[in-house]
Amino acid sequence: MALPDFLVIGAPKTGTTALHAALAGHPGLHLSAVKEPKFFLTGGAPPPARGGPGDAQTYREHVWRRADYEALFADAPPGTLRGESTPFYLYDRAAQRRIHELIPEARLIAVLRDPVERAHSNWTHLWSAGLEPIDDVVLACREEERRIDAGWAAFWHYVRLGRYGEQLEHLYGLFPREQVLVFRYRELLEQPAPTLDRICSFLNVEPGVLTEVPRENVTVHPGRTTRHRVLSWMLRAGVSAGTVLPGDLAGRVATPLERALQRNGPARRPLTWEQREALIPLFEADVKLLEKVTGEDFGDWLEPKAASGGRVGARPDGQRQARNGRPTAR
């Protein structure tokens, strides 16, 4: 069977796209050409057909058939470890159980980011893509439960995705801790070489080979302009109509609009203290649980910050916002 030996399981907007690209450069590792195949989210069943704006198109990109999933690893060179990165596996309890049932010996890698900063980056990603209709992250978070009840996909769960204490508590009930590596997003940014060595040692491949994490999936932050409002409305209308369009026709309609939305977009803006102060209470209890589960201190996540908890900078020339679930160039 061509199944993975390790998984990068979470969390979304914690640098998993960049980490996937970095690990793909190690000769002892074979990373799937599709980043985020999402196989364990449905476990061999087709994904839903509807959801929030753009969800139907994303669901079409799931690699949900087992034969197709195994094909992602079939050409791994002998002796290499096979892996993939789907950051929703940490959040999805059913996915955790499916992983344990099919590959119980798998090694799992989880990257944790300040949950307030993660929620903001998540919201900015969808705002930049023209899919998020609410122009304020705090107000968007207040819509979360309504959106969940309406069947919107997990990437819209700005708050719940950042409750890592609950997620790890469940994971540790399935897997022994020695099979799980947990570290902070900032370690990946500020200490890339030693963090990559730590990952390689965890996977039992040679350390000292990887030294850098590429800048991938950098989000721009279009302003609240009439142009953005009109283009976003057109894009959401297009992807809504796309639920009944065949093949990738909806994507061919939406892609030019998304490019227009993000063209010459300014760098992502950091959170204001007022926004941060409004969102911290949504995570406070879970941060305390996370400290109990891991035995580590995460108290800084409940405090003001002088700088953003992520890369707030211009997008590299020629880069587009990532559309995971599609093959990447090797």
Protein backbone atom coordinates (compact mmCIF):
# COMPACT_ATOMS: atom_id res chain seq x y z
CA MET A 1 0.00 0.00 0.00
CA ALA A 2 1.27 3.49 -0.88
CA LEU A 3 0.10 5.36 2.19
CA PRO A 4 1.88 8.21 3.98
CA ASP A 5 4.32 7.68 6.82
CA PHE A 6 3.77 11.15 8.21
CA LEU A 7 1.23 13.96 8.03
CA VAL A 8 1.38 17.68 8.64
CA ILE A 9 -2.03 17.91 10.32
CA GLY A 10 -2.48 21.54 11.26
CA ALA A 11 -3.35 24.19 11.74
CA PRO A 12 -4.56 26.30 8.77
CA LYS A 13 -2.70 29.60 8.31
CA THR A 14 0.29 28.44 10.36
CA GLY A 15 2.80 28.16 7.53
CA THR A 16 1.94 24.62 6.47
CA THR A 17 2.15 25.50 2.76
CA ALA A 18 5.68 26.84 3.25
CA LEU A 19 6.62 23.90 5.48
CA HIS A 20 5.35 21.44 2.86
CA ALA A 21 7.51 23.15 0.23
CA ALA A 22 10.55 23.11 2.53
CA LEU A 23 10.23 19.43 3.45
CA ALA A 24 9.83 18.52 -0.23
CA GLY A 25 13.46 19.55 -0.67
CA HIS A 26 14.79 16.79 1.60
CA PRO A 27 16.07 13.76 -0.36
CA GLY A 28 14.80 11.42 2.34
CA LEU A 29 11.22 12.67 2.11
CA HIS A 30 8.58 12.39 -0.60
CA LEU A 31 5.83 14.99 -0.25
CA SER A 32 2.63 14.59 -2.25
CA ALA A 33 2.45 16.80 -5.35
CA VAL A 34 -0.99 17.86 -4.11
CA LYS A 35 -0.71 19.88 -0.95
CA GLU A 36 -3.91 19.33 1.06
CA PRO A 37 -5.44 16.26 -0.58
CA LYS A 38 -7.89 16.18 2.39
CA PHE A 39 -8.46 12.43 2.04
CA PHE A 40 -9.09 11.75 5.74
CA LEU A 41 -11.75 14.44 5.96
CA THR A 42 -14.21 12.03 4.33
CA GLY A 43 -12.37 8.73 4.40
CA GLY A 44 -13.32 7.43 0.98
CA ALA A 45 -16.72 9.11 0.74
CA PRO A 46 -17.39 12.03 -1.62
CA PRO A 47 -17.23 15.45 0.04
CA PRO A 48 -20.29 17.71 0.35
CA ALA A 49 -21.48 19.53 -2.74
CA ARG A 50 -22.48 22.83 -1.14
CA GLY A 51 -21.44 25.22 1.61
CA GLY A 52 -20.28 28.82 1.94
CA PRO A 53 -18.95 30.99 -0.90
CA GLY A 54 -16.47 28.99 -2.95
CA ASP A 55 -16.82 25.83 -0.88
CA ALA A 56 -18.32 23.77 -3.71
CA GLN A 57 -15.27 24.42 -5.89
CA THR A 58 -12.91 23.52 -3.06
CA TYR A 59 -14.79 20.29 -2.40
CA ARG A 60 -14.26 19.30 -6.03
CA GLU A 61 -10.50 19.39 -5.39
CA HIS A 62 -10.62 16.78 -2.60
CA VAL A 63 -8.68 13.60 -3.28
CA TRP A 64 -11.33 11.42 -1.65
CA ARG A 65 -11.02 8.13 -3.51
CA ARG A 66 -8.47 5.83 -1.89
CA ALA A 67 -6.93 4.75 -5.18
CA ASP A 68 -6.33 8.38 -6.14
CA TYR A 69 -4.91 9.11 -2.70
CA GLU A 70 -2.48 6.19 -2.83
CA ALA A 71 -1.43 7.28 -6.32
CA LEU A 72 0.00 10.47 -4.75
CA PHE A 73 2.68 8.34 -3.09
CA ALA A 74 3.14 5.58 -5.66
CA ASP A 75 6.23 7.14 -7.24
CA ALA A 76 8.09 7.74 -3.97
CA PRO A 77 11.72 6.64 -4.37
CA PRO A 78 12.61 3.50 -2.41
CA GLY A 79 13.67 4.26 1.13
CA THR A 80 12.02 7.67 1.34
CA LEU A 81 9.30 8.58 3.81
CA ARG A 82 5.98 9.54 2.26
CA GLY A 83 4.04 12.51 3.58
CA GLU A 84 1.29 15.01 2.91
CA SER A 85 -0.03 18.20 4.51
CA THR A 86 -3.70 18.80 5.24
CA PRO A 87 -4.00 21.30 8.10
CA PHE A 88 -7.66 20.47 8.80
CA TYR A 89 -6.83 17.02 10.15
CA LEU A 90 -6.00 18.45 13.58
CA TYR A 91 -9.35 20.22 13.78
CA ASP A 92 -11.51 17.37 12.47
CA ARG A 93 -11.99 14.73 15.18
CA ALA A 94 -13.40 12.21 12.70
CA ALA A 95 -10.29 12.69 10.52
CA GLN A 96 -8.11 11.98 13.54
CA ARG A 97 -9.96 8.71 14.08
CA ARG A 98 -9.70 7.74 10.41
CA ILE A 99 -5.95 8.36 10.43
CA HIS A 100 -5.59 6.17 13.51
CA GLU A 101 -7.63 3.40 11.91
CA LEU A 102 -5.70 3.35 8.62
CA ILE A 103 -2.15 4.40 9.54
CA PRO A 104 -1.84 4.11 13.35
CA GLU A 105 1.96 4.30 13.24
CA ALA A 106 2.00 7.59 11.34
CA ARG A 107 4.00 10.50 12.70
CA LEU A 108 2.01 13.70 13.01
CA ILE A 109 3.23 17.30 12.88
CA ALA A 110 1.16 20.17 14.29
CA VAL A 111 2.09 23.85 14.02
CA LEU A 112 0.32 26.16 16.48
CA ARG A 113 -0.06 29.90 15.94
CA ASP A 114 -1.44 32.56 18.26
CA PRO A 115 -5.17 31.80 17.72
CA VAL A 116 -6.15 35.46 17.45
CA GLU A 117 -3.51 36.07 14.79
CA ARG A 118 -4.48 32.83 13.06
CA ALA A 119 -8.13 33.88 12.91
CA HIS A 120 -7.16 37.26 11.47
CA SER A 121 -4.92 35.68 8.83
CA ASN A 122 -7.70 33.24 7.95
CA TRP A 123 -10.22 36.08 7.57
CA THR A 124 -7.74 38.13 5.51
CA HIS A 125 -7.18 35.16 3.18
CA LEU A 126 -10.89 34.93 2.38
CA TRP A 127 -11.36 38.70 2.25
CA SER A 128 -8.46 38.97 -0.21
CA ALA A 129 -9.99 36.18 -2.29
CA GLY A 130 -13.28 38.09 -2.51
CA LEU A 131 -15.20 35.37 -0.68
CA GLU A 132 -15.62 36.97 2.75
CA PRO A 133 -18.44 39.56 2.60
CA ILE A 134 -17.81 41.05 6.09
CA ASP A 135 -15.10 43.70 6.16
CA ASP A 136 -14.16 43.34 9.84
CA VAL A 137 -12.62 40.24 11.43
CA VAL A 138 -14.39 40.72 14.77
CA LEU A 139 -17.81 40.95 13.12
CA ALA A 140 -16.98 37.97 10.90
CA CYS A 141 -16.11 35.87 13.97
CA ARG A 142 -19.50 36.68 15.45
CA GLU A 143 -21.11 35.04 12.41
CA GLU A 144 -19.26 31.76 12.91
CA GLU A 145 -21.95 29.72 14.64
CA ARG A 146 -24.58 30.78 12.10
CA ARG A 147 -22.25 29.82 9.27
CA ILE A 148 -21.49 26.44 10.84
CA ASP A 149 -25.21 25.75 11.21
CA ALA A 150 -25.60 26.62 7.53
CA GLY A 151 -22.96 24.06 6.55
CA TRP A 152 -20.07 26.35 5.63
CA ALA A 153 -16.73 24.52 5.34
CA ALA A 154 -14.13 24.37 8.10
CA PHE A 155 -11.98 27.18 6.66
CA TRP A 156 -14.74 29.61 7.72
CA HIS A 157 -14.45 28.45 11.35
CA TYR A 158 -12.13 31.28 12.35
CA VAL A 159 -12.50 30.70 16.10
CA ARG A 160 -12.95 26.94 16.39
CA LEU A 161 -9.91 26.23 14.21
CA GLY A 162 -7.75 27.96 16.81
CA ARG A 163 -8.93 25.98 19.82
CA TYR A 164 -5.90 23.71 19.86
CA GLY A 165 -6.35 22.53 23.44
CA GLU A 166 -9.54 20.66 22.55
CA GLN A 167 -7.98 19.30 19.38
CA LEU A 168 -4.77 18.01 20.96
CA GLU A 169 -6.61 16.57 23.94
CA HIS A 170 -8.60 14.40 21.51
CA LEU A 171 -5.52 13.54 19.43
CA TYR A 172 -3.54 12.39 22.47
CA GLY A 173 -6.41 10.05 23.29
CA LEU A 174 -5.68 8.25 20.01
CA PHE A 175 -1.93 8.54 19.42
CA PRO A 176 1.01 8.23 21.81
CA ARG A 177 2.74 11.56 22.36
CA GLU A 178 6.00 10.32 20.89
CA GLN A 179 4.24 10.14 17.50
CA VAL A 180 3.17 13.79 17.65
CA LEU A 181 5.42 16.81 17.19
CA VAL A 182 3.99 20.16 18.27
CA PHE A 183 5.74 23.48 17.84
CA ARG A 184 4.95 27.16 17.39
CA TYR A 185 4.57 28.96 14.09
CA ARG A 186 6.98 31.65 15.24
CA GLU A 187 9.71 29.03 15.62
CA LEU A 188 9.34 28.27 11.93
CA LEU A 189 9.68 31.97 11.10
CA GLU A 190 12.38 33.03 13.53
CA GLN A 191 14.47 29.85 13.78
CA PRO A 192 13.90 27.98 10.51
CA ALA A 193 17.07 25.87 10.43
CA PRO A 194 16.87 24.44 13.98
CA THR A 195 13.11 23.96 13.64
CA LEU A 196 13.54 22.05 10.38
CA ASP A 197 16.26 19.96 12.04
CA ARG A 198 13.86 19.20 14.87
CA ILE A 199 11.27 18.00 12.35
CA CYS A 200 13.82 15.89 10.48
CA SER A 201 15.02 14.29 13.70
CA PHE A 202 11.41 13.54 14.62
CA LEU A 203 10.98 11.84 11.22
CA ASN A 204 14.33 10.02 11.57
CA VAL A 205 15.84 11.55 8.44
CA GLU A 206 19.13 13.39 8.24
CA PRO A 207 19.12 16.85 9.88
CA GLY A 208 21.24 19.71 8.58
CA VAL A 209 19.92 19.35 5.03
CA LEU A 210 17.15 21.96 5.15
CA THR A 211 17.93 25.49 6.30
CA GLU A 212 15.21 27.76 4.93
CA VAL A 213 11.43 27.99 4.78
CA PRO A 214 10.25 29.65 1.54
CA ARG A 215 7.74 32.47 1.55
CA GLU A 216 4.59 30.77 0.33
CA ASN A 217 0.90 31.71 0.37
CA VAL A 218 1.53 35.34 1.35
CA THR A 219 -1.79 37.20 1.55
CA VAL A 220 -2.38 40.75 0.38
CA HIS A 221 -4.97 42.97 2.03
CA PRO A 222 -7.22 44.86 -0.41
CA GLY A 223 -8.90 47.91 1.07
CA ARG A 224 -12.61 48.49 1.66
CA THR A 225 -13.20 50.16 -1.67
CA THR A 226 -16.08 50.27 -4.12
CA ARG A 227 -13.91 48.34 -6.57
CA HIS A 228 -13.31 45.57 -4.02
CA ARG A 229 -16.99 45.43 -3.12
CA VAL A 230 -18.10 45.13 -6.76
CA LEU A 231 -15.45 42.59 -7.77
CA SER A 232 -16.12 40.51 -4.65
CA TRP A 233 -19.85 40.50 -5.34
CA MET A 234 -19.17 39.36 -8.91
CA LEU A 235 -16.81 36.63 -7.72
CA ARG A 236 -19.23 35.30 -5.09
CA ALA A 237 -22.02 35.31 -7.66
CA GLY A 238 -19.75 33.43 -10.04
CA VAL A 239 -18.76 30.73 -7.57
CA SER A 240 -22.37 30.38 -6.47
CA ALA A 241 -23.39 29.74 -10.07
CA GLY A 242 -20.42 27.39 -10.32
CA THR A 243 -22.14 24.82 -8.13
CA VAL A 244 -24.07 23.74 -11.20
CA LEU A 245 -21.35 24.32 -13.81
CA PRO A 246 -19.43 21.30 -15.13
CA GLY A 247 -15.75 20.61 -14.51
CA ASP A 248 -13.47 23.56 -13.77
CA LEU A 249 -15.62 26.11 -15.60
CA ALA A 250 -16.41 27.94 -12.36
CA GLY A 251 -12.70 28.20 -11.59
CA ARG A 252 -12.00 29.65 -15.02
CA VAL A 253 -14.66 32.29 -14.34
CA ALA A 254 -13.46 33.12 -10.82
CA THR A 255 -9.69 33.16 -11.38
CA PRO A 256 -9.51 36.40 -13.41
CA LEU A 257 -11.71 38.15 -10.84
CA GLU A 258 -9.52 36.95 -7.97
CA ARG A 259 -6.40 38.17 -9.78
CA ALA A 260 -8.02 41.55 -10.34
CA LEU A 261 -8.98 41.78 -6.67
CA GLN A 262 -5.45 41.14 -5.49
CA ARG A 263 -3.56 43.06 -8.16
CA ASN A 264 -1.22 45.59 -6.50
CA GLY A 265 -2.83 44.81 -3.16
CA PRO A 266 -1.06 46.19 -0.08
CA ALA A 267 0.55 43.93 2.50
CA ARG A 268 -1.60 42.33 5.17
CA ARG A 269 -2.28 44.78 7.97
CA PRO A 270 -1.69 43.73 11.58
CA LEU A 271 -4.52 43.57 14.07
CA THR A 272 -5.32 46.61 16.13
CA TRP A 273 -5.29 46.24 19.91
CA GLU A 274 -9.04 46.87 19.95
CA GLN A 275 -9.60 43.94 17.61
CA ARG A 276 -7.24 41.71 19.55
CA GLU A 277 -8.86 42.65 22.85
CA ALA A 278 -12.28 41.74 21.44
CA LEU A 279 -11.13 38.32 20.24
CA ILE A 280 -8.92 37.10 23.12
CA PRO A 281 -11.89 36.05 25.33
CA LEU A 282 -13.00 33.62 22.62
CA PHE A 283 -9.81 31.59 23.16
CA GLU A 284 -8.94 32.15 26.81
CA ALA A 285 -10.41 28.94 28.22
CA ASP A 286 -8.88 26.83 25.46
CA VAL A 287 -5.43 28.38 25.94
CA LYS A 288 -5.61 27.28 29.58
CA LEU A 289 -6.60 23.78 28.41
CA LEU A 290 -3.73 23.76 25.91
CA GLU A 291 -1.28 24.59 28.71
CA LYS A 292 -2.68 21.70 30.75
CA VAL A 293 -2.54 19.27 27.81
CA THR A 294 1.00 20.20 26.71
CA GLY A 295 2.58 21.35 29.96
CA GLU A 296 3.83 24.46 28.16
CA ASP A 297 3.15 28.16 28.72
CA PHE A 298 1.04 29.95 26.10
CA GLY A 299 0.15 32.95 28.23
CA ASP A 300 1.59 35.39 25.71
CA TRP A 301 -1.37 34.58 23.45
CA LEU A 302 -3.65 36.33 25.96
CA GLU A 303 -1.65 39.56 26.02
CA PRO A 304 -1.19 42.64 23.78
CA LYS A 305 1.38 42.36 21.03
CA ALA A 306 3.70 45.00 19.67
CA ALA A 307 3.95 43.20 16.33
CA SER A 308 1.82 40.84 14.33
CA GLY A 309 2.21 37.14 14.95
CA GLY A 310 2.92 36.47 11.30
CA ARG A 311 4.70 37.73 8.24
CA VAL A 312 3.23 41.11 7.46
CA GLY A 313 5.08 42.05 4.32
CA ALA A 314 4.76 42.41 0.60
CA ARG A 315 3.94 39.32 -1.43
CA PRO A 316 6.91 38.06 -3.46
CA ASP A 317 6.78 39.04 -7.13
CA GLY A 318 4.85 36.61 -9.29
CA GLN A 319 3.24 34.78 -6.39
CA ARG A 320 -0.49 34.16 -6.15
CA GLN A 321 -2.56 33.17 -3.19
CA ALA A 322 -2.34 29.41 -2.77
CA ARG A 323 -5.11 27.18 -4.03
CA ASN A 324 -4.31 23.99 -2.19
CA GLY A 325 -5.69 20.73 -3.49
CA ARG A 326 -4.00 21.13 -6.85
CA PRO A 327 -0.68 19.63 -7.95
CA THR A 328 2.44 21.72 -7.41
CA ALA A 329 5.43 21.80 -9.71
CA ARG A 330 8.27 19.52 -8.65
